[in-house]
Amino acid sequence: MATCVAFGLTIALVAACGKAADEPSSAGSDTAATRAPAETAAAAPESPAEEPVFAAVGLPAAFPTDFPIAPESTVIEATSRPDSDGILSRVTIVSSGEPRDVHDWYSSALAGGGWMLASEVSSGGALALRATQGESYVDLATEPHPDGAAQGWVRTRATIWKTER
C-alpha cells in the first residue's frame, strides 16, 4: 500500500512540475529565462522564427569594381591580394531567395558586364559557373545557406582573378 501511495505522489509531483514549467510564475515574469536548456529548446517552435543576422564587411580597395553584387545581398567575407600578374579576390555573399534565382541573376549580370560564360553546372541544389574576360576569370558557386537556421537564404562564393595586363 505504501508503494502505491508513493508511486501516486511521484506521478502527481511530475505532473505538477510539468504544468508549472508551462505557466508564468505568480509574479508574472516569463519563466523561459530560468528553464533548463532542454525545456527552452522544446518551447522554441511556439515562437516566431527569427531572421538570421549576417555581419556585413566592406570590400577591399583592390576588389574589382566591375564584379556585380546582387541587390539586397550582404557581403560577409571579402579579400583581395595581388599576385605576379593580377589581383586574386574572394567574396562570400548571402541573399534571401532561391539558389536558382540568385545564380541566374549573377549569370545575367556577368554576361551584361562583358564576361563570357564558359561553363555552368548544377549538382544537388548547388549551382556553379565560370566566366572569362580575356585572361581574367570568375568562378562562382551558389547554394542554399548551409546553416539550418538560415532557411530561405542563399550563399554565393566567388573567386575573381583579374589580370593587370
N, C-alpha and C. Protein backbone atom coordinates (compact mmCIF):
# COMPACT_ATOMS: atom_id res chain seq x y z
N MET A 1 0.82 -1.18 0.00
CA MET A 1 0.00 0.00 0.00
C MET A 1 0.87 1.25 0.00
N ALA A 2 1.92 1.24 0.83
CA ALA A 2 2.81 2.39 0.89
C ALA A 2 3.46 2.63 -0.46
N THR A 3 3.78 1.54 -1.20
CA THR A 3 4.38 1.67 -2.52
C THR A 3 3.41 2.34 -3.49
N CYS A 4 2.13 1.99 -3.41
CA CYS A 4 1.12 2.59 -4.29
C CYS A 4 0.97 4.08 -4.00
N VAL A 5 0.97 4.46 -2.72
CA VAL A 5 0.84 5.86 -2.34
C VAL A 5 2.07 6.64 -2.83
N ALA A 6 3.26 6.09 -2.63
CA ALA A 6 4.49 6.76 -3.07
C ALA A 6 4.50 6.92 -4.59
N PHE A 7 4.07 5.89 -5.30
CA PHE A 7 4.01 5.95 -6.76
C PHE A 7 3.01 7.03 -7.20
N GLY A 8 1.86 7.08 -6.55
CA GLY A 8 0.84 8.09 -6.87
C GLY A 8 1.35 9.50 -6.62
N LEU A 9 2.04 9.70 -5.49
CA LEU A 9 2.61 11.01 -5.19
C LEU A 9 3.67 11.40 -6.22
N THR A 10 4.48 10.45 -6.65
CA THR A 10 5.50 10.72 -7.67
C THR A 10 4.85 11.16 -8.97
N ILE A 11 3.79 10.47 -9.39
CA ILE A 11 3.08 10.83 -10.62
C ILE A 11 2.50 12.24 -10.49
N ALA A 12 1.88 12.55 -9.35
CA ALA A 12 1.29 13.87 -9.13
C ALA A 12 2.37 14.95 -9.14
N LEU A 13 3.50 14.68 -8.53
CA LEU A 13 4.60 15.64 -8.48
C LEU A 13 5.15 15.91 -9.88
N VAL A 14 5.34 14.87 -10.68
CA VAL A 14 5.84 15.03 -12.05
C VAL A 14 4.84 15.85 -12.86
N ALA A 15 3.56 15.55 -12.73
CA ALA A 15 2.53 16.29 -13.47
C ALA A 15 2.52 17.75 -13.05
N ALA A 16 2.64 18.03 -11.76
CA ALA A 16 2.63 19.40 -11.26
C ALA A 16 3.86 20.15 -11.74
N CYS A 17 5.01 19.51 -11.75
CA CYS A 17 6.24 20.17 -12.22
C CYS A 17 6.14 20.50 -13.70
N GLY A 18 5.61 19.61 -14.48
CA GLY A 18 5.46 19.87 -15.90
C GLY A 18 4.51 21.02 -16.15
N LYS A 19 3.42 21.10 -15.38
CA LYS A 19 2.45 22.18 -15.53
C LYS A 19 3.07 23.50 -15.11
N ALA A 20 3.83 23.53 -14.04
CA ALA A 20 4.44 24.76 -13.57
C ALA A 20 5.43 25.30 -14.58
N ALA A 21 6.12 24.44 -15.31
CA ALA A 21 7.10 24.90 -16.29
C ALA A 21 6.42 25.54 -17.49
N ASP A 22 5.15 25.20 -17.74
CA ASP A 22 4.44 25.74 -18.89
C ASP A 22 3.72 27.04 -18.59
N GLU A 23 3.63 27.44 -17.32
CA GLU A 23 2.88 28.63 -16.94
C GLU A 23 3.83 29.66 -16.37
N PRO A 24 3.51 30.97 -16.57
CA PRO A 24 4.32 32.01 -15.94
C PRO A 24 4.21 31.91 -14.42
N SER A 25 5.22 32.38 -13.72
CA SER A 25 5.17 32.36 -12.27
C SER A 25 4.12 33.34 -11.78
N SER A 26 3.77 33.25 -10.52
CA SER A 26 2.73 34.12 -9.98
C SER A 26 3.16 35.57 -10.00
N ALA A 27 4.45 35.86 -10.05
CA ALA A 27 4.92 37.24 -10.12
C ALA A 27 4.74 37.82 -11.51
N GLY A 28 4.33 37.00 -12.49
CA GLY A 28 4.08 37.49 -13.84
C GLY A 28 5.30 37.50 -14.72
N SER A 29 6.44 37.04 -14.24
CA SER A 29 7.63 37.04 -15.09
C SER A 29 7.63 35.81 -15.97
N ASP A 30 8.31 35.91 -17.11
CA ASP A 30 8.42 34.78 -18.03
C ASP A 30 9.42 33.80 -17.45
N THR A 31 9.06 32.54 -17.42
CA THR A 31 9.95 31.53 -16.84
C THR A 31 10.92 30.96 -17.86
N ALA A 32 10.85 31.37 -19.12
CA ALA A 32 11.74 30.82 -20.14
C ALA A 32 13.20 31.06 -19.80
N ALA A 33 13.50 32.19 -19.18
CA ALA A 33 14.89 32.51 -18.86
C ALA A 33 15.44 31.60 -17.78
N THR A 34 14.55 31.03 -16.96
CA THR A 34 15.03 30.19 -15.88
C THR A 34 14.86 28.71 -16.16
N ARG A 35 14.31 28.35 -17.30
CA ARG A 35 14.12 26.95 -17.64
C ARG A 35 15.45 26.30 -18.00
N ALA A 36 15.47 25.02 -17.87
CA ALA A 36 16.65 24.26 -18.30
C ALA A 36 16.73 24.31 -19.81
N PRO A 37 17.91 24.18 -20.42
CA PRO A 37 18.05 24.25 -21.87
C PRO A 37 17.12 23.32 -22.63
N ALA A 38 16.89 22.11 -22.14
CA ALA A 38 16.01 21.18 -22.85
C ALA A 38 14.59 21.71 -22.90
N GLU A 39 14.14 22.36 -21.81
CA GLU A 39 12.79 22.92 -21.79
C GLU A 39 12.70 24.12 -22.71
N THR A 40 13.73 24.96 -22.75
CA THR A 40 13.74 26.12 -23.62
C THR A 40 13.71 25.69 -25.08
N ALA A 41 14.49 24.67 -25.43
CA ALA A 41 14.51 24.19 -26.81
C ALA A 41 13.16 23.66 -27.22
N ALA A 42 12.48 23.00 -26.32
CA ALA A 42 11.16 22.46 -26.64
C ALA A 42 10.15 23.57 -26.87
N ALA A 43 10.33 24.72 -26.23
CA ALA A 43 9.40 25.83 -26.37
C ALA A 43 9.66 26.64 -27.63
N ALA A 44 10.82 26.48 -28.24
CA ALA A 44 11.21 27.31 -29.38
C ALA A 44 10.24 27.28 -30.55
N PRO A 45 9.67 26.14 -30.95
CA PRO A 45 8.78 26.15 -32.10
C PRO A 45 7.55 27.03 -31.93
N GLU A 46 7.15 27.33 -30.69
CA GLU A 46 5.99 28.17 -30.47
C GLU A 46 6.28 29.63 -30.81
N SER A 47 7.53 30.06 -30.74
CA SER A 47 7.86 31.45 -31.04
C SER A 47 8.11 31.61 -32.53
N PRO A 48 7.88 32.83 -33.06
CA PRO A 48 8.11 33.04 -34.49
C PRO A 48 9.59 32.88 -34.83
N ALA A 49 9.87 32.41 -36.03
CA ALA A 49 11.25 32.21 -36.47
C ALA A 49 11.95 33.56 -36.56
N GLU A 50 13.16 33.60 -36.06
CA GLU A 50 13.94 34.83 -36.14
C GLU A 50 14.73 34.84 -37.43
N GLU A 51 14.86 36.03 -38.03
CA GLU A 51 15.67 36.17 -39.22
C GLU A 51 17.14 36.04 -38.82
N PRO A 52 17.93 35.33 -39.60
CA PRO A 52 19.36 35.25 -39.28
C PRO A 52 20.01 36.62 -39.46
N VAL A 53 21.03 36.87 -38.69
CA VAL A 53 21.75 38.13 -38.78
C VAL A 53 23.13 37.83 -39.35
N PHE A 54 23.47 38.52 -40.43
CA PHE A 54 24.77 38.35 -41.06
C PHE A 54 25.55 39.64 -40.91
N ALA A 55 26.79 39.54 -40.44
CA ALA A 55 27.63 40.72 -40.26
C ALA A 55 28.24 41.12 -41.60
N ALA A 56 27.92 42.31 -42.04
CA ALA A 56 28.43 42.81 -43.32
C ALA A 56 29.88 43.28 -43.17
N VAL A 57 30.65 43.08 -44.22
CA VAL A 57 32.02 43.59 -44.28
C VAL A 57 32.15 44.44 -45.54
N GLY A 58 33.10 45.34 -45.52
CA GLY A 58 33.36 46.16 -46.69
C GLY A 58 34.26 45.44 -47.68
N LEU A 59 34.21 45.90 -48.91
CA LEU A 59 35.08 45.32 -49.94
C LEU A 59 36.46 45.95 -49.85
N PRO A 60 37.52 45.17 -50.03
CA PRO A 60 38.87 45.73 -50.02
C PRO A 60 39.05 46.73 -51.16
N ALA A 61 39.98 47.65 -50.99
CA ALA A 61 40.23 48.67 -52.01
C ALA A 61 40.59 48.04 -53.35
N ALA A 62 41.30 46.92 -53.35
CA ALA A 62 41.73 46.27 -54.60
C ALA A 62 40.65 45.38 -55.21
N PHE A 63 39.49 45.26 -54.57
CA PHE A 63 38.43 44.39 -55.09
C PHE A 63 37.96 44.93 -56.44
N PRO A 64 37.73 44.05 -57.43
CA PRO A 64 37.34 44.53 -58.76
C PRO A 64 35.99 45.26 -58.74
N THR A 65 36.02 46.50 -59.19
CA THR A 65 34.81 47.33 -59.15
C THR A 65 33.75 46.87 -60.14
N ASP A 66 34.14 46.07 -61.14
CA ASP A 66 33.16 45.62 -62.12
C ASP A 66 32.51 44.28 -61.76
N PHE A 67 32.84 43.72 -60.58
CA PHE A 67 32.17 42.49 -60.17
C PHE A 67 30.81 42.86 -59.58
N PRO A 68 29.72 42.27 -60.09
CA PRO A 68 28.39 42.65 -59.60
C PRO A 68 28.07 42.01 -58.24
N ILE A 69 27.39 42.77 -57.41
CA ILE A 69 26.86 42.26 -56.14
C ILE A 69 25.34 42.38 -56.24
N ALA A 70 24.64 41.27 -56.04
CA ALA A 70 23.18 41.26 -56.18
C ALA A 70 22.55 42.26 -55.21
N PRO A 71 21.47 42.91 -55.65
CA PRO A 71 20.77 43.85 -54.77
C PRO A 71 20.26 43.14 -53.51
N GLU A 72 20.21 43.86 -52.43
CA GLU A 72 19.71 43.36 -51.15
C GLU A 72 20.44 42.12 -50.68
N SER A 73 21.73 42.07 -50.99
CA SER A 73 22.61 40.99 -50.52
C SER A 73 23.56 41.57 -49.49
N THR A 74 24.18 40.69 -48.73
CA THR A 74 25.15 41.10 -47.72
C THR A 74 26.47 40.41 -47.98
N VAL A 75 27.52 41.20 -48.12
CA VAL A 75 28.88 40.66 -48.26
C VAL A 75 29.35 40.32 -46.85
N ILE A 76 29.68 39.04 -46.61
CA ILE A 76 30.10 38.64 -45.27
C ILE A 76 31.59 38.29 -45.19
N GLU A 77 32.23 38.11 -46.33
CA GLU A 77 33.69 37.88 -46.39
C GLU A 77 34.18 38.45 -47.71
N ALA A 78 35.31 39.11 -47.67
CA ALA A 78 35.90 39.63 -48.90
C ALA A 78 37.39 39.84 -48.71
N THR A 79 38.17 39.34 -49.66
CA THR A 79 39.62 39.53 -49.64
C THR A 79 40.11 39.83 -51.05
N SER A 80 41.20 40.52 -51.13
CA SER A 80 41.89 40.76 -52.41
C SER A 80 43.38 40.78 -52.11
N ARG A 81 44.15 40.13 -53.00
CA ARG A 81 45.60 40.17 -52.84
C ARG A 81 46.24 40.12 -54.22
N PRO A 82 47.26 40.91 -54.41
CA PRO A 82 47.95 40.88 -55.70
C PRO A 82 48.78 39.62 -55.84
N ASP A 83 48.89 39.15 -57.08
CA ASP A 83 49.85 38.09 -57.38
C ASP A 83 50.73 38.61 -58.50
N SER A 84 51.51 37.76 -59.12
CA SER A 84 52.50 38.23 -60.09
C SER A 84 51.89 38.89 -61.33
N ASP A 85 50.66 38.53 -61.71
CA ASP A 85 50.08 39.08 -62.94
C ASP A 85 48.74 39.77 -62.76
N GLY A 86 48.24 39.84 -61.54
CA GLY A 86 46.92 40.44 -61.36
C GLY A 86 46.51 40.48 -59.90
N ILE A 87 45.21 40.48 -59.69
CA ILE A 87 44.67 40.52 -58.33
C ILE A 87 43.69 39.36 -58.16
N LEU A 88 43.90 38.58 -57.11
CA LEU A 88 43.01 37.48 -56.77
C LEU A 88 42.10 37.94 -55.64
N SER A 89 40.80 37.88 -55.88
CA SER A 89 39.81 38.30 -54.89
C SER A 89 38.86 37.15 -54.60
N ARG A 90 38.39 37.12 -53.38
CA ARG A 90 37.37 36.13 -52.98
C ARG A 90 36.30 36.87 -52.21
N VAL A 91 35.05 36.44 -52.42
CA VAL A 91 33.93 37.08 -51.74
C VAL A 91 32.88 36.02 -51.40
N THR A 92 32.26 36.18 -50.24
CA THR A 92 31.11 35.36 -49.84
C THR A 92 29.96 36.32 -49.60
N ILE A 93 28.83 36.01 -50.22
CA ILE A 93 27.66 36.88 -50.20
C ILE A 93 26.45 36.06 -49.78
N VAL A 94 25.58 36.61 -48.95
CA VAL A 94 24.32 35.95 -48.62
C VAL A 94 23.16 36.78 -49.16
N SER A 95 22.16 36.07 -49.66
CA SER A 95 20.98 36.70 -50.24
C SER A 95 19.75 35.91 -49.83
N SER A 96 18.65 36.59 -49.74
CA SER A 96 17.38 35.91 -49.49
C SER A 96 16.86 35.40 -50.83
N GLY A 97 16.31 34.21 -50.85
CA GLY A 97 15.73 33.71 -52.10
C GLY A 97 16.07 32.27 -52.37
N GLU A 98 15.96 31.92 -53.63
CA GLU A 98 16.23 30.56 -54.09
C GLU A 98 17.58 30.53 -54.82
N PRO A 99 18.35 29.46 -54.67
CA PRO A 99 19.65 29.37 -55.33
C PRO A 99 19.57 29.61 -56.84
N ARG A 100 18.59 29.03 -57.52
CA ARG A 100 18.48 29.18 -58.98
C ARG A 100 18.29 30.65 -59.35
N ASP A 101 17.43 31.37 -58.62
CA ASP A 101 17.19 32.78 -58.93
C ASP A 101 18.45 33.62 -58.73
N VAL A 102 19.16 33.38 -57.63
CA VAL A 102 20.39 34.13 -57.36
C VAL A 102 21.45 33.79 -58.40
N HIS A 103 21.60 32.51 -58.73
CA HIS A 103 22.56 32.09 -59.76
C HIS A 103 22.25 32.76 -61.09
N ASP A 104 20.97 32.74 -61.48
CA ASP A 104 20.58 33.36 -62.75
C ASP A 104 20.86 34.86 -62.76
N TRP A 105 20.68 35.52 -61.61
CA TRP A 105 20.98 36.95 -61.54
C TRP A 105 22.47 37.19 -61.82
N TYR A 106 23.34 36.42 -61.16
CA TYR A 106 24.78 36.59 -61.37
C TYR A 106 25.17 36.24 -62.81
N SER A 107 24.61 35.18 -63.35
CA SER A 107 24.91 34.78 -64.72
C SER A 107 24.57 35.92 -65.68
N SER A 108 23.40 36.50 -65.51
CA SER A 108 22.96 37.60 -66.36
C SER A 108 23.80 38.86 -66.15
N ALA A 109 24.09 39.18 -64.88
CA ALA A 109 24.87 40.39 -64.58
C ALA A 109 26.29 40.28 -65.12
N LEU A 110 26.90 39.12 -65.00
CA LEU A 110 28.25 38.94 -65.54
C LEU A 110 28.24 39.04 -67.06
N ALA A 111 27.28 38.38 -67.71
CA ALA A 111 27.19 38.45 -69.18
C ALA A 111 26.96 39.89 -69.62
N GLY A 112 26.13 40.62 -68.89
CA GLY A 112 25.87 42.02 -69.22
C GLY A 112 27.08 42.91 -68.99
N GLY A 113 28.01 42.47 -68.16
CA GLY A 113 29.23 43.23 -67.88
C GLY A 113 30.40 42.84 -68.78
N GLY A 114 30.13 42.07 -69.83
CA GLY A 114 31.18 41.72 -70.77
C GLY A 114 31.91 40.43 -70.47
N TRP A 115 31.44 39.66 -69.50
CA TRP A 115 32.05 38.37 -69.21
C TRP A 115 31.43 37.31 -70.10
N MET A 116 32.23 36.37 -70.57
CA MET A 116 31.75 35.24 -71.38
C MET A 116 31.51 34.07 -70.44
N LEU A 117 30.32 33.49 -70.47
CA LEU A 117 30.03 32.33 -69.64
C LEU A 117 30.68 31.10 -70.28
N ALA A 118 31.71 30.58 -69.65
CA ALA A 118 32.46 29.45 -70.19
C ALA A 118 31.81 28.12 -69.83
N SER A 119 31.23 28.02 -68.63
CA SER A 119 30.57 26.78 -68.22
C SER A 119 29.62 27.04 -67.07
N GLU A 120 28.61 26.19 -66.98
CA GLU A 120 27.67 26.22 -65.87
C GLU A 120 27.33 24.77 -65.53
N VAL A 121 27.28 24.46 -64.23
CA VAL A 121 26.91 23.12 -63.77
C VAL A 121 26.01 23.24 -62.55
N SER A 122 25.23 22.17 -62.31
CA SER A 122 24.43 22.12 -61.08
C SER A 122 24.51 20.71 -60.52
N SER A 123 24.45 20.65 -59.19
CA SER A 123 24.52 19.35 -58.52
C SER A 123 23.89 19.47 -57.14
N GLY A 124 22.83 18.73 -56.91
CA GLY A 124 22.23 18.68 -55.59
C GLY A 124 21.82 20.01 -55.00
N GLY A 125 21.29 20.91 -55.77
CA GLY A 125 20.86 22.21 -55.26
C GLY A 125 21.91 23.29 -55.35
N ALA A 126 23.16 22.92 -55.61
CA ALA A 126 24.23 23.90 -55.78
C ALA A 126 24.43 24.15 -57.27
N LEU A 127 24.74 25.40 -57.60
CA LEU A 127 24.97 25.77 -58.99
C LEU A 127 26.31 26.49 -59.09
N ALA A 128 27.01 26.30 -60.18
CA ALA A 128 28.32 26.93 -60.35
C ALA A 128 28.48 27.40 -61.78
N LEU A 129 29.32 28.41 -61.94
CA LEU A 129 29.64 28.89 -63.28
C LEU A 129 31.07 29.37 -63.31
N ARG A 130 31.61 29.40 -64.52
CA ARG A 130 32.91 30.01 -64.78
C ARG A 130 32.67 31.01 -65.89
N ALA A 131 33.13 32.22 -65.66
CA ALA A 131 33.04 33.27 -66.66
C ALA A 131 34.44 33.81 -66.92
N THR A 132 34.71 34.16 -68.16
CA THR A 132 36.03 34.68 -68.52
C THR A 132 35.88 36.03 -69.21
N GLN A 133 36.95 36.80 -69.12
CA GLN A 133 37.04 38.09 -69.79
C GLN A 133 38.52 38.27 -70.13
N GLY A 134 38.87 37.90 -71.35
CA GLY A 134 40.29 37.84 -71.69
C GLY A 134 40.95 36.77 -70.85
N GLU A 135 42.03 37.13 -70.15
CA GLU A 135 42.70 36.17 -69.28
C GLU A 135 42.10 36.14 -67.86
N SER A 136 41.21 37.05 -67.56
CA SER A 136 40.59 37.11 -66.24
C SER A 136 39.47 36.08 -66.14
N TYR A 137 39.14 35.68 -64.92
CA TYR A 137 38.05 34.72 -64.75
C TYR A 137 37.30 34.96 -63.45
N VAL A 138 36.07 34.42 -63.41
CA VAL A 138 35.25 34.37 -62.20
C VAL A 138 34.79 32.93 -62.06
N ASP A 139 35.01 32.33 -60.90
CA ASP A 139 34.40 31.05 -60.53
C ASP A 139 33.39 31.36 -59.44
N LEU A 140 32.14 31.03 -59.68
CA LEU A 140 31.07 31.41 -58.77
C LEU A 140 30.22 30.18 -58.44
N ALA A 141 29.92 29.99 -57.16
CA ALA A 141 29.08 28.87 -56.70
C ALA A 141 27.97 29.42 -55.82
N THR A 142 26.75 28.96 -56.08
CA THR A 142 25.57 29.38 -55.33
C THR A 142 24.91 28.14 -54.76
N GLU A 143 24.53 28.20 -53.48
CA GLU A 143 23.91 27.04 -52.83
C GLU A 143 22.99 27.52 -51.71
N PRO A 144 22.06 26.66 -51.28
CA PRO A 144 21.28 27.01 -50.09
C PRO A 144 22.25 27.24 -48.94
N HIS A 145 21.97 28.23 -48.11
CA HIS A 145 22.88 28.52 -46.99
C HIS A 145 22.99 27.27 -46.11
N PRO A 146 24.22 26.85 -45.77
CA PRO A 146 24.40 25.60 -45.02
C PRO A 146 23.94 25.66 -43.57
N ASP A 147 23.74 26.85 -43.03
CA ASP A 147 23.27 26.98 -41.65
C ASP A 147 21.78 26.68 -41.62
N GLY A 148 21.39 25.63 -40.96
CA GLY A 148 19.99 25.22 -40.92
C GLY A 148 19.05 26.30 -40.42
N ALA A 149 19.56 27.23 -39.61
CA ALA A 149 18.73 28.32 -39.10
C ALA A 149 18.51 29.40 -40.16
N ALA A 150 19.22 29.31 -41.27
CA ALA A 150 19.13 30.33 -42.32
C ALA A 150 18.34 29.82 -43.51
N GLN A 151 17.23 29.13 -43.26
CA GLN A 151 16.41 28.61 -44.35
C GLN A 151 15.87 29.78 -45.17
N GLY A 152 15.86 29.60 -46.49
CA GLY A 152 15.41 30.67 -47.36
C GLY A 152 16.53 31.63 -47.75
N TRP A 153 17.74 31.35 -47.31
CA TRP A 153 18.89 32.18 -47.63
C TRP A 153 19.84 31.39 -48.52
N VAL A 154 20.56 32.12 -49.34
CA VAL A 154 21.47 31.54 -50.32
C VAL A 154 22.87 32.08 -50.04
N ARG A 155 23.86 31.19 -50.13
CA ARG A 155 25.26 31.62 -50.00
C ARG A 155 25.90 31.54 -51.37
N THR A 156 26.54 32.63 -51.77
CA THR A 156 27.27 32.68 -53.03
C THR A 156 28.73 32.95 -52.71
N ARG A 157 29.60 32.13 -53.27
CA ARG A 157 31.04 32.32 -53.12
C ARG A 157 31.63 32.53 -54.50
N ALA A 158 32.50 33.51 -54.59
CA ALA A 158 33.14 33.77 -55.88
C ALA A 158 34.63 33.99 -55.70
N THR A 159 35.38 33.47 -56.65
CA THR A 159 36.81 33.74 -56.77
C THR A 159 36.98 34.50 -58.07
N ILE A 160 37.60 35.67 -57.99
CA ILE A 160 37.77 36.52 -59.16
C ILE A 160 39.26 36.76 -59.33
N TRP A 161 39.77 36.46 -60.51
CA TRP A 161 41.15 36.79 -60.81
C TRP A 161 41.14 37.75 -61.99
N LYS A 162 41.67 38.95 -61.75
CA LYS A 162 41.71 39.97 -62.79
C LYS A 162 43.17 40.24 -63.15
N THR A 163 43.46 40.08 -64.43
CA THR A 163 44.80 40.36 -64.89
C THR A 163 45.03 41.87 -64.91
N GLU A 164 46.26 42.27 -64.70
CA GLU A 164 46.59 43.70 -64.75
C GLU A 164 47.14 44.08 -66.12
N ARG A 165 47.11 43.14 -67.06
CA ARG A 165 47.62 43.44 -68.40
C ARG A 165 46.59 44.14 -69.23
